[in-house]
């Protein structure tokens, strides 16, 4: 697994971490050729489905704790 620092986006991570003192974990489903935020931004369907399964496993794991 590769962990990358959060960049860009419009989610309220700062409020959760600094104000509410809660940890934040984010995950993405992009790929290098996806041209994020460009006019020709795209996502591969196979990666979208893998990402959905990955996120569901994370949510399930949180439910087990």
N, C-alpha and C. Protein backbone atom coordinates (compact mmCIF):
# COMPACT_ATOMS: atom_id res chain seq x y z
N UNK A 1 0.84 -1.17 0.00
CA UNK A 1 0.00 0.00 0.00
C UNK A 1 0.89 1.23 0.00
N UNK A 2 0.51 2.22 -0.78
CA UNK A 2 1.26 3.47 -0.83
C UNK A 2 0.44 4.56 -0.14
N UNK A 3 1.07 5.26 0.80
CA UNK A 3 0.40 6.34 1.51
C UNK A 3 0.94 7.67 1.00
N UNK A 4 0.05 8.56 0.65
CA UNK A 4 0.45 9.87 0.14
C UNK A 4 -0.20 10.95 0.99
N UNK A 5 0.50 12.05 1.22
CA UNK A 5 -0.13 13.14 1.97
C UNK A 5 -1.30 13.71 1.20
N UNK A 6 -2.30 14.16 1.90
CA UNK A 6 -3.49 14.74 1.29
C UNK A 6 -3.15 16.07 0.65
N UNK A 7 -3.56 16.23 -0.59
CA UNK A 7 -3.36 17.49 -1.29
C UNK A 7 -4.66 17.86 -1.99
N UNK A 8 -4.91 19.16 -2.06
CA UNK A 8 -6.11 19.62 -2.76
C UNK A 8 -7.39 19.12 -2.13
N UNK A 9 -8.43 19.06 -2.90
CA UNK A 9 -9.71 18.57 -2.43
C UNK A 9 -10.51 19.62 -1.70
N UNK A 10 -11.74 19.27 -1.37
CA UNK A 10 -12.61 20.23 -0.69
C UNK A 10 -13.29 19.62 0.53
N UNK A 11 -12.67 18.61 1.09
CA UNK A 11 -13.25 17.97 2.28
C UNK A 11 -12.78 18.72 3.52
N UNK A 12 -13.56 18.68 4.60
CA UNK A 12 -13.24 19.46 5.81
C UNK A 12 -12.25 18.77 6.75
N UNK A 13 -11.13 18.25 6.22
CA UNK A 13 -10.17 17.55 7.06
C UNK A 13 -9.67 18.42 8.21
N UNK A 14 -9.36 19.67 7.93
CA UNK A 14 -8.80 20.55 8.95
C UNK A 14 -9.74 20.64 10.16
N UNK A 15 -11.03 20.81 9.92
CA UNK A 15 -11.98 20.93 11.02
C UNK A 15 -12.04 19.67 11.86
N UNK A 16 -12.00 18.51 11.23
CA UNK A 16 -12.03 17.26 11.99
C UNK A 16 -10.78 17.08 12.83
N UNK A 17 -9.62 17.37 12.25
CA UNK A 17 -8.35 17.14 12.95
C UNK A 17 -8.08 18.21 14.00
N UNK A 18 -8.17 19.46 13.64
CA UNK A 18 -7.79 20.54 14.55
C UNK A 18 -8.88 20.93 15.54
N UNK A 19 -10.11 21.00 15.08
CA UNK A 19 -11.20 21.44 15.95
C UNK A 19 -11.79 20.30 16.77
N UNK A 20 -12.11 19.20 16.10
CA UNK A 20 -12.76 18.08 16.78
C UNK A 20 -11.77 17.06 17.34
N UNK A 21 -10.48 17.21 16.99
CA UNK A 21 -9.42 16.30 17.47
C UNK A 21 -9.70 14.85 17.08
N UNK A 22 -10.19 14.65 15.85
CA UNK A 22 -10.48 13.32 15.34
C UNK A 22 -9.49 12.97 14.23
N UNK A 23 -9.08 11.72 14.16
CA UNK A 23 -8.19 11.32 13.06
C UNK A 23 -8.97 11.27 11.75
N UNK A 24 -8.27 11.48 10.66
CA UNK A 24 -8.89 11.46 9.33
C UNK A 24 -8.09 10.51 8.44
N UNK A 25 -8.81 9.67 7.73
CA UNK A 25 -8.21 8.79 6.73
C UNK A 25 -8.94 9.06 5.42
N UNK A 26 -8.18 9.30 4.36
CA UNK A 26 -8.81 9.48 3.05
C UNK A 26 -8.25 8.46 2.09
N UNK A 27 -9.02 8.14 1.10
CA UNK A 27 -8.59 7.20 0.08
C UNK A 27 -9.10 7.68 -1.27
N UNK A 28 -8.34 7.43 -2.29
CA UNK A 28 -8.74 7.85 -3.63
C UNK A 28 -8.74 6.70 -4.59
N UNK A 29 -9.35 6.92 -5.74
CA UNK A 29 -9.41 5.86 -6.74
C UNK A 29 -8.85 6.33 -8.07
N UNK A 30 -8.08 7.39 -8.06
CA UNK A 30 -7.51 7.90 -9.29
C UNK A 30 -6.30 7.09 -9.74
N UNK A 31 -5.78 7.45 -10.89
CA UNK A 31 -4.56 6.83 -11.41
C UNK A 31 -3.78 7.90 -12.17
N UNK A 32 -2.50 7.72 -12.42
CA UNK A 32 -1.69 8.78 -13.02
C UNK A 32 -2.22 9.32 -14.34
N UNK A 33 -2.86 8.50 -15.14
CA UNK A 33 -3.39 8.96 -16.43
C UNK A 33 -4.78 9.55 -16.35
N UNK A 34 -5.31 9.73 -15.13
CA UNK A 34 -6.67 10.21 -14.95
C UNK A 34 -6.87 11.70 -15.17
N UNK A 35 -5.77 12.46 -15.23
CA UNK A 35 -5.83 13.90 -15.45
C UNK A 35 -6.76 14.60 -14.46
N UNK A 36 -6.54 14.37 -13.19
CA UNK A 36 -7.41 14.92 -12.14
C UNK A 36 -7.63 16.42 -12.30
N UNK A 37 -8.87 16.82 -12.25
CA UNK A 37 -9.32 18.22 -12.31
C UNK A 37 -9.04 18.91 -13.64
N UNK A 38 -8.68 18.14 -14.66
CA UNK A 38 -8.48 18.70 -15.99
C UNK A 38 -9.77 18.54 -16.80
N UNK A 39 -9.91 19.24 -17.90
CA UNK A 39 -11.13 19.09 -18.72
C UNK A 39 -11.37 17.66 -19.19
N UNK A 40 -10.29 16.88 -19.34
CA UNK A 40 -10.45 15.50 -19.78
C UNK A 40 -10.23 14.50 -18.64
N UNK A 41 -10.59 14.91 -17.42
CA UNK A 41 -10.47 14.02 -16.26
C UNK A 41 -11.24 12.73 -16.52
N UNK A 42 -10.67 11.61 -16.08
CA UNK A 42 -11.33 10.32 -16.32
C UNK A 42 -10.93 9.33 -15.24
N UNK A 43 -11.68 8.26 -15.16
CA UNK A 43 -11.37 7.16 -14.24
C UNK A 43 -11.68 5.86 -14.96
N UNK A 44 -10.85 4.87 -14.75
CA UNK A 44 -11.09 3.56 -15.34
C UNK A 44 -12.15 2.84 -14.51
N UNK A 45 -13.08 2.18 -15.18
CA UNK A 45 -14.17 1.48 -14.49
C UNK A 45 -13.62 0.39 -13.57
N UNK A 46 -12.59 -0.34 -14.00
CA UNK A 46 -12.04 -1.40 -13.15
C UNK A 46 -11.47 -0.83 -11.86
N UNK A 47 -10.83 0.35 -11.94
CA UNK A 47 -10.29 0.97 -10.73
C UNK A 47 -11.40 1.54 -9.86
N UNK A 48 -12.46 2.04 -10.48
CA UNK A 48 -13.61 2.53 -9.72
C UNK A 48 -14.21 1.39 -8.88
N UNK A 49 -14.39 0.24 -9.49
CA UNK A 49 -14.96 -0.91 -8.78
C UNK A 49 -14.02 -1.40 -7.67
N UNK A 50 -12.72 -1.46 -7.96
CA UNK A 50 -11.75 -1.86 -6.93
C UNK A 50 -11.75 -0.85 -5.78
N UNK A 51 -11.85 0.43 -6.11
CA UNK A 51 -11.90 1.47 -5.08
C UNK A 51 -13.13 1.34 -4.21
N UNK A 52 -14.27 1.05 -4.81
CA UNK A 52 -15.51 0.89 -4.05
C UNK A 52 -15.38 -0.29 -3.08
N UNK A 53 -14.79 -1.38 -3.53
CA UNK A 53 -14.59 -2.54 -2.65
C UNK A 53 -13.61 -2.21 -1.53
N UNK A 54 -12.57 -1.48 -1.86
CA UNK A 54 -11.58 -1.08 -0.85
C UNK A 54 -12.22 -0.21 0.23
N UNK A 55 -13.00 0.77 -0.18
CA UNK A 55 -13.67 1.66 0.78
C UNK A 55 -14.67 0.87 1.63
N UNK A 56 -15.37 -0.07 1.03
CA UNK A 56 -16.32 -0.88 1.81
C UNK A 56 -15.59 -1.72 2.85
N UNK A 57 -14.39 -2.21 2.52
CA UNK A 57 -13.62 -2.98 3.52
C UNK A 57 -13.17 -2.08 4.67
N UNK A 58 -12.80 -0.85 4.36
CA UNK A 58 -12.41 0.09 5.42
C UNK A 58 -13.59 0.37 6.34
N UNK A 59 -14.74 0.64 5.77
CA UNK A 59 -15.94 0.91 6.58
C UNK A 59 -16.29 -0.30 7.42
N UNK A 60 -16.21 -1.48 6.83
CA UNK A 60 -16.49 -2.70 7.59
C UNK A 60 -15.51 -2.87 8.75
N UNK A 61 -14.23 -2.60 8.51
CA UNK A 61 -13.22 -2.74 9.56
C UNK A 61 -13.49 -1.75 10.71
N UNK A 62 -13.88 -0.53 10.39
CA UNK A 62 -14.23 0.43 11.44
C UNK A 62 -15.42 -0.07 12.26
N UNK A 63 -16.35 -0.76 11.61
CA UNK A 63 -17.51 -1.30 12.31
C UNK A 63 -17.16 -2.44 13.25
N UNK A 64 -16.04 -3.09 13.02
CA UNK A 64 -15.62 -4.22 13.85
C UNK A 64 -14.88 -3.78 15.11
N UNK A 65 -14.46 -2.52 15.17
CA UNK A 65 -13.70 -2.08 16.34
C UNK A 65 -14.58 -1.58 17.44
